[in-house]
Amino acid sequence: MLVLTRKTSESIQIGEDIEVKILAIDGEQVKIGIDAPKHIDIHRKEVYLNIKEENYQAQETGNMDVLTEIHKHWKNQPK
């Protein structure tokens, strides 16, 4: 892990496209701004972990009937 010290208005550059800027510091809270391309998802860690868990649960409890029907449909198509 890289550890850096930054002051208000200072930034960290990640690659060519991502800038993390320190906007304000108030006690133990730091307000940051992230400038990144729209195709990059940015989430708080706890939100990211919830999304990941929900996706895993959806995958584990997915309805196989839909896949079975799709398979039957394509299997019966004329070649």
PDB file of N, CA and C in Angstrom:
ATOM      1  N   MET A   1       0.843  -1.179   0.000  1.00  0.00           N
ATOM      2  CA  MET A   1       0.000   0.000   0.000  1.00  0.00           C
ATOM      3  C   MET A   1       0.886   1.241   0.000  1.00  0.00           C
ATOM      4  N   LEU A   2       0.554   2.138  -0.882  1.00  0.00           N
ATOM      5  CA  LEU A   2       1.245   3.423  -0.932  1.00  0.00           C
ATOM      6  C   LEU A   2       0.552   4.372   0.033  1.00  0.00           C
ATOM      7  N   VAL A   3       1.299   5.018   0.891  1.00  0.00           N
ATOM      8  CA  VAL A   3       0.743   5.966   1.859  1.00  0.00           C
ATOM      9  C   VAL A   3       1.304   7.352   1.523  1.00  0.00           C
ATOM     10  N   LEU A   4       0.396   8.310   1.318  1.00  0.00           N
ATOM     11  CA  LEU A   4       0.783   9.675   0.968  1.00  0.00           C
ATOM     12  C   LEU A   4       0.160  10.665   1.940  1.00  0.00           C
ATOM     13  N   THR A   5       0.810  11.776   2.123  1.00  0.00           N
ATOM     14  CA  THR A   5       0.261  12.868   2.917  1.00  0.00           C
ATOM     15  C   THR A   5      -0.105  13.995   1.966  1.00  0.00           C
ATOM     16  N   ARG A   6      -1.316  14.515   2.089  1.00  0.00           N
ATOM     17  CA  ARG A   6      -1.788  15.586   1.234  1.00  0.00           C
ATOM     18  C   ARG A   6      -2.462  16.641   2.081  1.00  0.00           C
ATOM     19  N   LYS A   7      -2.445  17.869   1.609  1.00  0.00           N
ATOM     20  CA  LYS A   7      -3.139  18.978   2.257  1.00  0.00           C
ATOM     21  C   LYS A   7      -4.350  19.357   1.407  1.00  0.00           C
ATOM     22  N   THR A   8      -5.222  20.179   1.978  1.00  0.00           N
ATOM     23  CA  THR A   8      -6.379  20.660   1.235  1.00  0.00           C
ATOM     24  C   THR A   8      -5.938  21.270  -0.089  1.00  0.00           C
ATOM     25  N   SER A   9      -6.671  20.957  -1.137  1.00  0.00           N
ATOM     26  CA  SER A   9      -6.431  21.413  -2.512  1.00  0.00           C
ATOM     27  C   SER A   9      -5.319  20.653  -3.224  1.00  0.00           C
ATOM     28  N   GLU A  10      -4.654  19.732  -2.545  1.00  0.00           N
ATOM     29  CA  GLU A  10      -3.639  18.921  -3.210  1.00  0.00           C
ATOM     30  C   GLU A  10      -4.303  17.660  -3.778  1.00  0.00           C
ATOM     31  N   SER A  11      -3.638  17.067  -4.760  1.00  0.00           N
ATOM     32  CA  SER A  11      -4.221  15.938  -5.474  1.00  0.00           C
ATOM     33  C   SER A  11      -3.278  14.746  -5.522  1.00  0.00           C
ATOM     34  N   ILE A  12      -3.863  13.638  -5.918  1.00  0.00           N
ATOM     35  CA  ILE A  12      -3.123  12.422  -6.236  1.00  0.00           C
ATOM     36  C   ILE A  12      -3.572  12.029  -7.638  1.00  0.00           C
ATOM     37  N   GLN A  13      -2.651  11.755  -8.517  1.00  0.00           N
ATOM     38  CA  GLN A  13      -2.961  11.359  -9.885  1.00  0.00           C
ATOM     39  C   GLN A  13      -2.754   9.854 -10.014  1.00  0.00           C
ATOM     40  N   ILE A  14      -3.773   9.165 -10.545  1.00  0.00           N
ATOM     41  CA  ILE A  14      -3.689   7.727 -10.762  1.00  0.00           C
ATOM     42  C   ILE A  14      -3.761   7.496 -12.265  1.00  0.00           C
ATOM     43  N   GLY A  15      -2.664   7.086 -12.845  1.00  0.00           N
ATOM     44  CA  GLY A  15      -2.622   6.922 -14.299  1.00  0.00           C
ATOM     45  C   GLY A  15      -2.862   8.243 -14.991  1.00  0.00           C
ATOM     46  N   GLU A  16      -3.336   8.172 -16.221  1.00  0.00           N
ATOM     47  CA  GLU A  16      -3.606   9.379 -17.000  1.00  0.00           C
ATOM     48  C   GLU A  16      -4.969   9.978 -16.698  1.00  0.00           C
ATOM     49  N   ASP A  17      -5.910   9.138 -16.223  1.00  0.00           N
ATOM     50  CA  ASP A  17      -7.308   9.542 -16.241  1.00  0.00           C
ATOM     51  C   ASP A  17      -7.959   9.798 -14.888  1.00  0.00           C
ATOM     52  N   ILE A  18      -7.304   9.488 -13.797  1.00  0.00           N
ATOM     53  CA  ILE A  18      -7.965   9.583 -12.490  1.00  0.00           C
ATOM     54  C   ILE A  18      -7.204  10.548 -11.581  1.00  0.00           C
ATOM     55  N   GLU A  19      -7.933  11.523 -11.046  1.00  0.00           N
ATOM     56  CA  GLU A  19      -7.363  12.465 -10.085  1.00  0.00           C
ATOM     57  C   GLU A  19      -8.207  12.423  -8.809  1.00  0.00           C
ATOM     58  N   VAL A  20      -7.531  12.283  -7.687  1.00  0.00           N
ATOM     59  CA  VAL A  20      -8.183  12.307  -6.376  1.00  0.00           C
ATOM     60  C   VAL A  20      -7.711  13.583  -5.686  1.00  0.00           C
ATOM     61  N   LYS A  21      -8.664  14.466  -5.363  1.00  0.00           N
ATOM     62  CA  LYS A  21      -8.309  15.767  -4.788  1.00  0.00           C
ATOM     63  C   LYS A  21      -8.866  15.886  -3.375  1.00  0.00           C
ATOM     64  N   ILE A  22      -8.054  16.399  -2.463  1.00  0.00           N
ATOM     65  CA  ILE A  22      -8.488  16.669  -1.093  1.00  0.00           C
ATOM     66  C   ILE A  22      -9.219  18.001  -1.109  1.00  0.00           C
ATOM     67  N   LEU A  23     -10.524  17.953  -0.809  1.00  0.00           N
ATOM     68  CA  LEU A  23     -11.335  19.175  -0.858  1.00  0.00           C
ATOM     69  C   LEU A  23     -11.400  19.888   0.482  1.00  0.00           C
ATOM     70  N   ALA A  24     -11.481  19.113   1.563  1.00  0.00           N
ATOM     71  CA  ALA A  24     -11.580  19.712   2.898  1.00  0.00           C
ATOM     72  C   ALA A  24     -11.185  18.684   3.950  1.00  0.00           C
ATOM     73  N   ILE A  25     -10.707  19.188   5.061  1.00  0.00           N
ATOM     74  CA  ILE A  25     -10.385  18.353   6.216  1.00  0.00           C
ATOM     75  C   ILE A  25     -11.068  18.987   7.415  1.00  0.00           C
ATOM     76  N   ASP A  26     -11.867  18.176   8.118  1.00  0.00           N
ATOM     77  CA  ASP A  26     -12.598  18.668   9.284  1.00  0.00           C
ATOM     78  C   ASP A  26     -12.491  17.616  10.375  1.00  0.00           C
ATOM     79  N   GLY A  27     -11.557  17.838  11.305  1.00  0.00           N
ATOM     80  CA  GLY A  27     -11.333  16.850  12.355  1.00  0.00           C
ATOM     81  C   GLY A  27     -10.834  15.542  11.764  1.00  0.00           C
ATOM     82  N   GLU A  28     -11.587  14.453  12.007  1.00  0.00           N
ATOM     83  CA  GLU A  28     -11.184  13.141  11.491  1.00  0.00           C
ATOM     84  C   GLU A  28     -11.797  12.834  10.130  1.00  0.00           C
ATOM     85  N   GLN A  29     -12.551  13.761   9.580  1.00  0.00           N
ATOM     86  CA  GLN A  29     -13.175  13.535   8.275  1.00  0.00           C
ATOM     87  C   GLN A  29     -12.423  14.273   7.180  1.00  0.00           C
ATOM     88  N   VAL A  30     -12.274  13.584   6.068  1.00  0.00           N
ATOM     89  CA  VAL A  30     -11.626  14.159   4.898  1.00  0.00           C
ATOM     90  C   VAL A  30     -12.630  14.112   3.758  1.00  0.00           C
ATOM     91  N   LYS A  31     -12.841  15.239   3.093  1.00  0.00           N
ATOM     92  CA  LYS A  31     -13.730  15.297   1.946  1.00  0.00           C
ATOM     93  C   LYS A  31     -12.866  15.242   0.693  1.00  0.00           C
ATOM     94  N   ILE A  32     -13.141  14.232  -0.144  1.00  0.00           N
ATOM     95  CA  ILE A  32     -12.328  14.071  -1.350  1.00  0.00           C
ATOM     96  C   ILE A  32     -13.216  14.177  -2.587  1.00  0.00           C
ATOM     97  N   GLY A  33     -12.609  14.578  -3.673  1.00  0.00           N
ATOM     98  CA  GLY A  33     -13.263  14.595  -4.975  1.00  0.00           C
ATOM     99  C   GLY A  33     -12.497  13.678  -5.901  1.00  0.00           C
ATOM    100  N   ILE A  34     -13.216  12.950  -6.727  1.00  0.00           N
ATOM    101  CA  ILE A  34     -12.585  12.013  -7.653  1.00  0.00           C
ATOM    102  C   ILE A  34     -13.015  12.372  -9.062  1.00  0.00           C
ATOM    103  N   ASP A  35     -12.054  12.637  -9.901  1.00  0.00           N
ATOM    104  CA  ASP A  35     -12.315  12.932 -11.301  1.00  0.00           C
ATOM    105  C   ASP A  35     -11.815  11.736 -12.100  1.00  0.00           C
ATOM    106  N   ALA A  36     -12.764  11.005 -12.708  1.00  0.00           N
ATOM    107  CA  ALA A  36     -12.418   9.802 -13.459  1.00  0.00           C
ATOM    108  C   ALA A  36     -13.355   9.678 -14.654  1.00  0.00           C
ATOM    109  N   PRO A  37     -12.962   8.904 -15.656  1.00  0.00           N
ATOM    110  CA  PRO A  37     -13.850   8.678 -16.806  1.00  0.00           C
ATOM    111  C   PRO A  37     -15.169   8.045 -16.371  1.00  0.00           C
ATOM    112  N   LYS A  38     -16.229   8.316 -17.127  1.00  0.00           N
ATOM    113  CA  LYS A  38     -17.568   7.831 -16.770  1.00  0.00           C
ATOM    114  C   LYS A  38     -17.653   6.311 -16.744  1.00  0.00           C
ATOM    115  N   HIS A  39     -16.820   5.615 -17.503  1.00  0.00           N
ATOM    116  CA  HIS A  39     -16.914   4.158 -17.550  1.00  0.00           C
ATOM    117  C   HIS A  39     -16.308   3.481 -16.317  1.00  0.00           C
ATOM    118  N   ILE A  40     -15.694   4.240 -15.445  1.00  0.00           N
ATOM    119  CA  ILE A  40     -15.119   3.684 -14.221  1.00  0.00           C
ATOM    120  C   ILE A  40     -16.104   3.877 -13.079  1.00  0.00           C
ATOM    121  N   ASP A  41     -16.536   2.758 -12.491  1.00  0.00           N
ATOM    122  CA  ASP A  41     -17.452   2.823 -11.352  1.00  0.00           C
ATOM    123  C   ASP A  41     -16.681   3.233 -10.101  1.00  0.00           C
ATOM    124  N   ILE A  42     -17.265   4.142  -9.323  1.00  0.00           N
ATOM    125  CA  ILE A  42     -16.658   4.585  -8.072  1.00  0.00           C
ATOM    126  C   ILE A  42     -17.702   4.445  -6.980  1.00  0.00           C
ATOM    127  N   HIS A  43     -17.377   3.680  -5.944  1.00  0.00           N
ATOM    128  CA  HIS A  43     -18.297   3.442  -4.832  1.00  0.00           C
ATOM    129  C   HIS A  43     -17.524   3.537  -3.516  1.00  0.00           C
ATOM    130  N   ARG A  44     -18.255   3.876  -2.444  1.00  0.00           N
ATOM    131  CA  ARG A  44     -17.675   3.698  -1.116  1.00  0.00           C
ATOM    132  C   ARG A  44     -17.464   2.203  -0.934  1.00  0.00           C
ATOM    133  N   LYS A  45     -16.452   1.806  -0.189  1.00  0.00           N
ATOM    134  CA  LYS A  45     -16.103   0.387  -0.061  1.00  0.00           C
ATOM    135  C   LYS A  45     -17.268  -0.453   0.434  1.00  0.00           C
ATOM    136  N   GLU A  46     -18.016   0.038   1.437  1.00  0.00           N
ATOM    137  CA  GLU A  46     -19.123  -0.757   1.973  1.00  0.00           C
ATOM    138  C   GLU A  46     -20.223  -0.957   0.927  1.00  0.00           C
ATOM    139  N   VAL A  47     -20.438   0.027   0.071  1.00  0.00           N
ATOM    140  CA  VAL A  47     -21.421  -0.102  -1.003  1.00  0.00           C
ATOM    141  C   VAL A  47     -20.932  -1.119  -2.033  1.00  0.00           C
ATOM    142  N   TYR A  48     -19.658  -1.026  -2.394  1.00  0.00           N
ATOM    143  CA  TYR A  48     -19.058  -1.969  -3.345  1.00  0.00           C
ATOM    144  C   TYR A  48     -19.188  -3.404  -2.845  1.00  0.00           C
ATOM    145  N   LEU A  49     -18.898  -3.627  -1.561  1.00  0.00           N
ATOM    146  CA  LEU A  49     -18.990  -4.980  -1.005  1.00  0.00           C
ATOM    147  C   LEU A  49     -20.435  -5.476  -1.004  1.00  0.00           C
ATOM    148  N   ASN A  50     -21.409  -4.587  -0.737  1.00  0.00           N
ATOM    149  CA  ASN A  50     -22.824  -4.970  -0.800  1.00  0.00           C
ATOM    150  C   ASN A  50     -23.234  -5.355  -2.222  1.00  0.00           C
ATOM    151  N   ILE A  51     -22.802  -4.594  -3.198  1.00  0.00           N
ATOM    152  CA  ILE A  51     -23.108  -4.900  -4.595  1.00  0.00           C
ATOM    153  C   ILE A  51     -22.523  -6.258  -4.967  1.00  0.00           C
ATOM    154  N   LYS A  52     -21.287  -6.471  -4.573  1.00  0.00           N
ATOM    155  CA  LYS A  52     -20.611  -7.735  -4.869  1.00  0.00           C
ATOM    156  C   LYS A  52     -21.361  -8.914  -4.242  1.00  0.00           C
ATOM    157  N   GLU A  53     -21.793  -8.776  -2.998  1.00  0.00           N
ATOM    158  CA  GLU A  53     -22.528  -9.841  -2.308  1.00  0.00           C
ATOM    159  C   GLU A  53     -23.881 -10.080  -2.973  1.00  0.00           C
ATOM    160  N   GLU A  54     -24.589  -9.006  -3.335  1.00  0.00           N
ATOM    161  CA  GLU A  54     -25.883  -9.157  -4.000  1.00  0.00           C
ATOM    162  C   GLU A  54     -25.731  -9.859  -5.348  1.00  0.00           C
ATOM    163  N   ASN A  55     -24.684  -9.519  -6.081  1.00  0.00           N
ATOM    164  CA  ASN A  55     -24.436 -10.187  -7.362  1.00  0.00           C
ATOM    165  C   ASN A  55     -24.142 -11.667  -7.152  1.00  0.00           C
ATOM    166  N   TYR A  56     -23.380 -11.989  -6.126  1.00  0.00           N
ATOM    167  CA  TYR A  56     -23.073 -13.383  -5.815  1.00  0.00           C
ATOM    168  C   TYR A  56     -24.354 -14.134  -5.454  1.00  0.00           C
ATOM    169  N   GLN A  57     -25.186 -13.531  -4.610  1.00  0.00           N
ATOM    170  CA  GLN A  57     -26.433 -14.168  -4.208  1.00  0.00           C
ATOM    171  C   GLN A  57     -27.351 -14.381  -5.413  1.00  0.00           C
ATOM    172  N   ALA A  58     -27.428 -13.404  -6.288  1.00  0.00           N
ATOM    173  CA  ALA A  58     -28.272 -13.529  -7.484  1.00  0.00           C
ATOM    174  C   ALA A  58     -27.769 -14.658  -8.380  1.00  0.00           C
ATOM    175  N   GLN A  59     -26.474 -14.780  -8.472  1.00  0.00           N
ATOM    176  CA  GLN A  59     -25.881 -15.844  -9.281  1.00  0.00           C
ATOM    177  C   GLN A  59     -26.183 -17.215  -8.672  1.00  0.00           C
ATOM    178  N   GLU A  60     -26.081 -17.322  -7.364  1.00  0.00           N
ATOM    179  CA  GLU A  60     -26.297 -18.598  -6.684  1.00  0.00           C
ATOM    180  C   GLU A  60     -27.758 -19.027  -6.703  1.00  0.00           C
ATOM    181  N   THR A  61     -28.676 -18.075  -6.655  1.00  0.00           N
ATOM    182  CA  THR A  61     -30.102 -18.404  -6.593  1.00  0.00           C
ATOM    183  C   THR A  61     -30.795 -18.121  -7.915  1.00  0.00           C
ATOM    184  N   GLY A  62     -30.003 -17.970  -8.997  1.00  0.00           N
ATOM    185  CA  GLY A  62     -30.561 -17.642 -10.309  1.00  0.00           C
ATOM    186  C   GLY A  62     -31.555 -18.691 -10.786  1.00  0.00           C
ATOM    187  N   ASN A  63     -32.473 -18.257 -11.603  1.00  0.00           N
ATOM    188  CA  ASN A  63     -33.519 -19.125 -12.124  1.00  0.00           C
ATOM    189  C   ASN A  63     -33.000 -19.829 -13.371  1.00  0.00           C
ATOM    190  N   MET A  64     -32.734 -21.113 -13.253  1.00  0.00           N
ATOM    191  CA  MET A  64     -32.215 -21.899 -14.362  1.00  0.00           C
ATOM    192  C   MET A  64     -33.291 -22.170 -15.412  1.00  0.00           C
ATOM    193  N   ASP A  65     -34.578 -21.994 -15.064  1.00  0.00           N
ATOM    194  CA  ASP A  65     -35.661 -22.228 -16.021  1.00  0.00           C
ATOM    195  C   ASP A  65     -35.511 -21.326 -17.243  1.00  0.00           C
ATOM    196  N   VAL A  66     -35.090 -20.098 -17.035  1.00  0.00           N
ATOM    197  CA  VAL A  66     -34.917 -19.163 -18.141  1.00  0.00           C
ATOM    198  C   VAL A  66     -33.850 -19.683 -19.095  1.00  0.00           C
ATOM    199  N   LEU A  67     -32.728 -20.125 -18.551  1.00  0.00           N
ATOM    200  CA  LEU A  67     -31.654 -20.651 -19.396  1.00  0.00           C
ATOM    201  C   LEU A  67     -32.091 -21.910 -20.127  1.00  0.00           C
ATOM    202  N   THR A  68     -32.845 -22.758 -19.464  1.00  0.00           N
ATOM    203  CA  THR A  68     -33.351 -23.982 -20.083  1.00  0.00           C
ATOM    204  C   THR A  68     -34.257 -23.645 -21.260  1.00  0.00           C
ATOM    205  N   GLU A  69     -35.128 -22.675 -21.083  1.00  0.00           N
ATOM    206  CA  GLU A  69     -36.032 -22.272 -22.168  1.00  0.00           C
ATOM    207  C   GLU A  69     -35.262 -21.682 -23.347  1.00  0.00           C
ATOM    208  N   ILE A  70     -34.266 -20.879 -23.076  1.00  0.00           N
ATOM    209  CA  ILE A  70     -33.446 -20.303 -24.147  1.00  0.00           C
ATOM    210  C   ILE A  70     -32.735 -21.421 -24.902  1.00  0.00           C
ATOM    211  N   HIS A  71     -32.193 -22.360 -24.174  1.00  0.00           N
ATOM    212  CA  HIS A  71     -31.494 -23.487 -24.798  1.00  0.00           C
ATOM    213  C   HIS A  71     -32.449 -24.273 -25.700  1.00  0.00           C
ATOM    214  N   LYS A  72     -33.657 -24.564 -25.212  1.00  0.00           N
ATOM    215  CA  LYS A  72     -34.647 -25.298 -26.010  1.00  0.00           C
ATOM    216  C   LYS A  72     -34.986 -24.526 -27.284  1.00  0.00           C
ATOM    217  N   HIS A  73     -35.167 -23.211 -27.141  1.00  0.00           N
ATOM    218  CA  HIS A  73     -35.513 -22.369 -28.280  1.00  0.00           C
ATOM    219  C   HIS A  73     -34.446 -22.464 -29.368  1.00  0.00           C
ATOM    220  N   TRP A  74     -33.186 -22.271 -28.998  1.00  0.00           N
ATOM    221  CA  TRP A  74     -32.101 -22.271 -29.976  1.00  0.00           C
ATOM    222  C   TRP A  74     -31.837 -23.657 -30.527  1.00  0.00           C
ATOM    223  N   LYS A  75     -32.060 -24.663 -29.719  1.00  0.00           N
ATOM    224  CA  LYS A  75     -31.846 -26.053 -30.145  1.00  0.00           C
ATOM    225  C   LYS A  75     -32.843 -26.438 -31.248  1.00  0.00           C
ATOM    226  N   ASN A  76     -34.062 -25.883 -31.189  1.00  0.00           N
ATOM    227  CA  ASN A  76     -35.098 -26.228 -32.154  1.00  0.00           C
ATOM    228  C   ASN A  76     -35.129 -25.320 -33.383  1.00  0.00           C
ATOM    229  N   GLN A  77     -34.205 -24.387 -33.471  1.00  0.00           N
ATOM    230  CA  GLN A  77     -34.173 -23.495 -34.622  1.00  0.00           C
ATOM    231  C   GLN A  77     -33.641 -24.253 -35.847  1.00  0.00           C
ATOM    232  N   PRO A  78     -34.199 -23.963 -37.043  1.00  0.00           N
ATOM    233  CA  PRO A  78     -33.665 -24.601 -38.264  1.00  0.00           C
ATOM    234  C   PRO A  78     -32.241 -24.136 -38.535  1.00  0.00           C
ATOM    235  N   LYS A  79     -31.471 -24.996 -39.069  1.00  0.00           N
ATOM    236  CA  LYS A  79     -30.054 -24.675 -39.341  1.00  0.00           C
ATOM    237  C   LYS A  79     -29.844 -24.275 -40.769  1.00  0.00           C
TER     238      LYS A  79
END
